[in-house]
Amino acid sequence: MEDIFVARVMSSSLHTVTPDTLVEDAAQDMLDNGIGSVVVIDDDNRLEGILTTTDFVRIVAEQKPKDQTPVSKYMSSDVVTASAQDSIRDAADVMVERGFHHIPVVDEDEGVIGMVTTSDLAGYLSRVQSPSPE
């Protein structure tokens, strides 16, 4: 398979929050939009973290969320990212090795510009691969 860049398969329609967004609000945004994560950014669109459905499992397991709980309390801040010029093979390798379902795509000048997900990769493969023999 030829090298395809992340920019070709990433989703650029992002749902973002700030570190002081309440987890309740982030959860509602995720439910309303049928998404598995929100990207946490600062005022300059720079990546601060990511909050995923897996983080909500941890929130529920650790304590019942209290009102006024900021996203920054639960977000992952050591975020693995990709650039739009990265090969999708490299992105897929990282996702498999680390057990990730989402990788934010960042640009040095523009900040967060997209997200590549396992669904994006599966969708790409289903379009380019011939059906398996029966």
Protein backbone atom coordinates (compact mmCIF):
# COMPACT_ATOMS: atom_id res chain seq x y z
CA MET A 1 0.00 0.00 0.00
CA GLU A 2 1.32 3.43 -0.92
CA ASP A 3 2.13 5.97 1.77
CA ILE A 4 -0.95 8.08 2.41
CA PHE A 5 -0.72 11.14 4.63
CA VAL A 6 -2.78 11.73 7.75
CA ALA A 7 -4.27 14.88 6.18
CA ARG A 8 -6.13 12.69 3.68
CA VAL A 9 -8.03 10.68 6.29
CA MET A 10 -8.25 12.92 9.36
CA SER A 11 -11.47 14.51 10.51
CA SER A 12 -11.18 18.30 10.57
CA SER A 13 -14.57 18.81 12.20
CA LEU A 14 -13.42 18.99 15.82
CA HIS A 15 -15.21 19.40 19.08
CA THR A 16 -13.03 21.40 21.42
CA VAL A 17 -13.26 22.57 25.00
CA THR A 18 -11.06 24.63 27.29
CA PRO A 19 -9.41 23.30 30.45
CA ASP A 20 -12.05 25.03 32.61
CA THR A 21 -15.02 23.50 30.77
CA LEU A 22 -17.09 21.44 33.18
CA VAL A 23 -16.90 17.67 32.64
CA GLU A 24 -20.68 17.59 32.64
CA ASP A 25 -20.71 20.00 29.66
CA ALA A 26 -18.01 18.06 27.83
CA ALA A 27 -19.95 14.83 28.36
CA GLN A 28 -23.13 16.40 27.02
CA ASP A 29 -21.27 17.67 23.93
CA MET A 30 -19.90 14.17 23.31
CA LEU A 31 -23.34 12.59 23.71
CA ASP A 32 -25.09 15.19 21.56
CA ASN A 33 -22.60 14.70 18.74
CA GLY A 34 -21.98 10.96 19.01
CA ILE A 35 -18.23 11.42 19.50
CA GLY A 36 -15.72 9.61 21.67
CA SER A 37 -13.49 12.53 22.62
CA VAL A 38 -13.09 16.27 22.88
CA VAL A 39 -9.81 18.10 22.33
CA VAL A 40 -8.80 20.51 25.09
CA ILE A 41 -7.26 23.71 23.72
CA ASP A 42 -6.08 27.06 25.04
CA ASP A 43 -7.15 30.48 23.75
CA ASP A 44 -4.58 30.23 20.91
CA ASN A 45 -5.91 26.84 19.69
CA ARG A 46 -2.89 25.08 21.19
CA LEU A 47 -3.36 21.54 22.43
CA GLU A 48 -3.69 21.23 26.19
CA GLY A 49 -5.10 17.70 26.37
CA ILE A 50 -7.79 15.26 25.31
CA LEU A 51 -10.79 13.92 27.20
CA THR A 52 -12.16 10.58 25.99
CA THR A 53 -14.91 8.16 26.87
CA THR A 54 -12.24 6.11 28.63
CA ASP A 55 -11.58 9.10 30.92
CA PHE A 56 -15.27 9.16 31.81
CA VAL A 57 -15.07 5.53 32.89
CA ARG A 58 -12.27 6.58 35.25
CA ILE A 59 -14.30 9.56 36.50
CA VAL A 60 -17.23 7.35 37.40
CA ALA A 61 -15.00 4.70 38.97
CA GLU A 62 -13.09 7.20 41.13
CA GLN A 63 -15.94 9.37 42.32
CA LYS A 64 -19.31 10.68 41.40
CA PRO A 65 -18.60 13.87 39.43
CA LYS A 66 -19.43 16.96 41.40
CA ASP A 67 -20.93 20.05 39.86
CA GLN A 68 -18.31 22.55 38.71
CA THR A 69 -15.67 19.89 37.94
CA PRO A 70 -13.27 21.27 35.29
CA VAL A 71 -12.06 19.12 32.39
CA SER A 72 -8.46 19.81 33.43
CA LYS A 73 -8.94 17.52 36.44
CA TYR A 74 -9.44 14.45 34.23
CA MET A 75 -8.01 15.18 30.79
CA SER A 76 -4.90 13.40 29.52
CA SER A 77 -2.23 16.06 29.08
CA ASP A 78 0.59 13.87 27.76
CA VAL A 79 -1.06 13.66 24.33
CA VAL A 80 0.50 11.79 21.42
CA THR A 81 -0.13 13.75 18.22
CA ALA A 82 0.38 13.48 14.48
CA SER A 83 1.02 16.07 11.82
CA ALA A 84 -0.94 16.30 8.59
CA GLN A 85 2.17 15.15 6.71
CA ASP A 86 2.64 11.96 8.74
CA SER A 87 2.00 8.66 6.99
CA ILE A 88 -1.27 6.96 7.98
CA ARG A 89 0.78 3.80 8.45
CA ASP A 90 2.83 5.58 11.13
CA ALA A 91 -0.33 6.92 12.78
CA ALA A 92 -1.94 3.47 12.68
CA ASP A 93 1.19 1.88 14.17
CA VAL A 94 1.11 4.34 17.09
CA MET A 95 -2.59 3.72 17.63
CA VAL A 96 -2.10 -0.07 17.72
CA GLU A 97 1.02 0.08 19.90
CA ARG A 98 -0.54 2.48 22.42
CA GLY A 99 -4.15 1.24 22.27
CA PHE A 100 -5.43 4.64 21.11
CA HIS A 101 -8.63 5.28 19.19
CA HIS A 102 -7.95 8.99 18.54
CA ILE A 103 -4.87 11.04 17.72
CA PRO A 104 -5.13 14.83 17.44
CA VAL A 105 -3.47 16.31 14.34
CA VAL A 106 -1.51 19.48 15.06
CA ASP A 107 0.22 22.10 12.96
CA GLU A 108 3.11 24.14 14.34
CA ASP A 109 1.53 27.43 13.18
CA GLU A 110 -2.21 26.71 13.37
CA GLY A 111 -2.39 24.52 16.47
CA VAL A 112 -4.94 21.70 16.43
CA ILE A 113 -6.26 21.13 12.90
CA GLY A 114 -7.89 17.71 13.01
CA MET A 115 -8.26 14.27 14.50
CA VAL A 116 -7.46 10.88 13.04
CA THR A 117 -9.45 7.99 14.48
CA THR A 118 -9.66 4.26 14.06
CA SER A 119 -12.91 4.88 12.18
CA ASP A 120 -11.10 7.20 9.75
CA LEU A 121 -8.48 4.51 9.08
CA ALA A 122 -11.05 1.75 8.72
CA GLY A 123 -13.09 3.92 6.36
CA TYR A 124 -10.05 4.60 4.23
CA LEU A 125 -9.16 0.90 4.04
CA SER A 126 -12.70 -0.08 3.12
CA ARG A 127 -12.59 2.32 0.15
CA VAL A 128 -9.17 1.28 -1.22
CA GLN A 129 -9.02 -2.43 -0.53
CA SER A 130 -10.66 -4.97 -2.80
CA PRO A 131 -13.14 -7.28 -1.07
CA SER A 132 -11.59 -10.44 0.34
CA PRO A 133 -12.12 -13.60 -1.73
CA GLU A 134 -15.01 -15.69 -0.50
